[in-house]
Each structure stands twice: as structure tokens, then as C-alpha cells.
Amino acid sequence: MYKSLLRPLLFKLDPEKVHYLTTDALRTAFSLPFTKSISRSMFRVEDKLLERELFGLKFPNPVGLAAGFDKDAKLVDELAELGFGFIEIGTLTPKPQEGNPKPRLFRLPEDRAIINRMGFNNEGVEAAVKRLRERKSNIIVGGNIGKNKVTPNEEALNDYLYCFKALYEVVDYFVVNVSSPNTPDLRALQEKEPLQQLLMALQDLNSSMPKAKPLLLKIAPDLNKAQLNDIIEIAIAAKLSGIIATNTTISREGLHTPSTRVSEIGAGGLSGKPLTKHATEIIRYLRQHLPQQIKIIGVGGIMTAEDAQEKLDAGADLVQLYTGFIYEGPALVASINKRLLKGI
């Protein structure tokens, strides 16, 4: 129904307006009687064989929602009913910020892809903390943290530490985002020295807490092999719990969308089907070179159940959806979990 009826209608509208229209509709729908039971019967696949235990957390299934969809933790309870095994909120920054000028979200239907240059638009970490304190579901929630646009890189650590402290009591794991292409100079923090300093400082704070929380790093798909080797070295030294591979790409290679249209859209991170193969290759390389205790969450171009299986086969322990969720709808979550059960 989503792909045949709803998606064609929604894709006629501005992508960002559709996002807010959809989230409002979800909120309204789940305020009605029987919606939860209907949603659970359609989208939830529950089986002990799907459970995964990673860094002290028990995931009911390995399919999560990537950061970016529910930046401000407004829909955690509703999204929990769509069959996800975990939800990642954010990216959150210390202060609220509007993000980049609109339009900043674009569909490439010929490529089953999206380009975004949102720019960490969010209401600030404190607003998300308030909502998470009031949530009713017990789904695993990850907190994806970043820096404000106006914060220079030399002071970025303070923003990450602030967000960590604010979210500590209300999330189950943390993700350090230094890989978005939409905040000026952010990716410079992926370089070896600044990244090592950032992660070590966060782990120092983490170890001073009553109980250390899993700390993961989200990386860009545009890193070369030498940079990936640096990431591996840093992940081991900083005793990270895991790596999320990958964020969106700045590459426009191999697109079917006319080059004139791509040029008109301009800058931004590309996600969706064009990223499928490359993200899987990065996962495979990381798994070959990382110790087993450092887990991998695979994300990037998961549009089908087979795409998810390929990432798990390449070495991912969990997977996340974003663009696939937009193009395929919530049925994709159930489809992946059913496919995984067939292979067990």
C-alpha cells in the first residue's frame, strides 16, 4: 500500500514538508485506539533467533533506524511500534540551530537516493533529553552527538562533552558524528590527531560516570585506505565499542539522474542505493582489521532484505535504515527480519 499508493502521492510534494507531514501523521495515528495492535501485527517480527547481544545491550532484532529521521526524539514511542530493534536520535548539538538554508533535501528517484544538506538542524540536546525522560517505550535508543555550526573545531570537544553529559541518563549508547558533510570543517575532525584527542577525552568522561556507556564512531564513506587504517588504530586505542559505517557520501559517481539536475541540487550528502556496494566494502575491510570486540553497525544503501543480509555477511553486527525506509516504507523492517529468520 505504501509503495503503490502513498509514496507516489508523497513524492509529488517537497521532501522536507513530506517528512514533517509524515511524522505528524504517525503521531496522530498512534493516538488512535487499535493502531498499535495493527502496527505490531503488520511490522513486528518477534523471535529469539533475531536477538543480538552487543556491548551489554540486548537488541530484539538487528534492524535499527539511523540518525537523522527522528533528530529531536519526538517519535521514539511511535517508531518503536514499527518493528525496529533500536532507534538512533540526533544528530544533537548543545544549542538549538536551524541548519542550512532551504531547500536542503532532494530526492533522486532514478537512483533511489536522497541528497541532503540539512546541517544538524535540531532543537538542542536539552529538548531531546526532556522528551526521552517522558517516553513510554523501552526500545534501545542511541544518542548521536555533534557540534554546533558556530563552534570552531578547536572548541568542538566542549560541545561533544556537553551533549554526552546531557544525554547520559536517557540513552543506551552514544555515537560521535564527525562525518557529516553538511557542517563546515566537521570532517576535519576525522583526521588522526584531532579524532584521537576527541575520543580519548570522551572516554575519560565516560569512565568517570557511574557506568560507562557504549561509545561508537560514525565514519564517512569517502575515507581512503590510509584514513581507514587510522580509524582502526584510533578505535583500538580509544577502546571504542563500535563503528557505524557509513554516513552519506559527497561522491556523485555513477548516478542515473541527469548531471544537470545533480548540478542544480549542489552540495550535500548522498544516501541510498548508490552507496550500497561501497558501504558494504568498507564494512568488510573494517571487519577484517578490527578486533572482534569492536562491533560494526552497517548503514548505507539498504533498500532490500538482501542488502541487509549482504552487510551482515560482510561483518556488520547490526544494520540501520534511513533512505530505504523512505523509499520502501516500514514493511522493509519486517521484510529484513523475515529474511534473516529464513537464513538462520
Foldseek 3Di string as FASTA:
>chain_A
DCQPPVLVVLVVDQVVVSLVVVLVVLVVQVVDPPSLVVLQVQAADADPVQWDAAPNDIFRHQEEADEDSAQQQPCPQSVVSLHHREYEHFQAWAAADQADDPPAWDDDVQQLKIFGLRGRHDHHLLSSLVNLVVDDDPHAYEYEYFYHLPDDLVCGLVGRLSNCVSCVVRHQAYEYEQAFPNRPPSVVCLDQPNVLVSLLVNLVVQVVDPHRHAYEYEHALPDDPVSLVSVQVSCVVSVHQAYEQHDFYQDPPPDPRDPVVVVVSPGGGMFAQVFLPSSLVSLLVSQVRHPPSHAYEGEGHCQALVSQVSSVVSGHPHYHDDSSCSNPNSSRSRRNVVVVVVVD
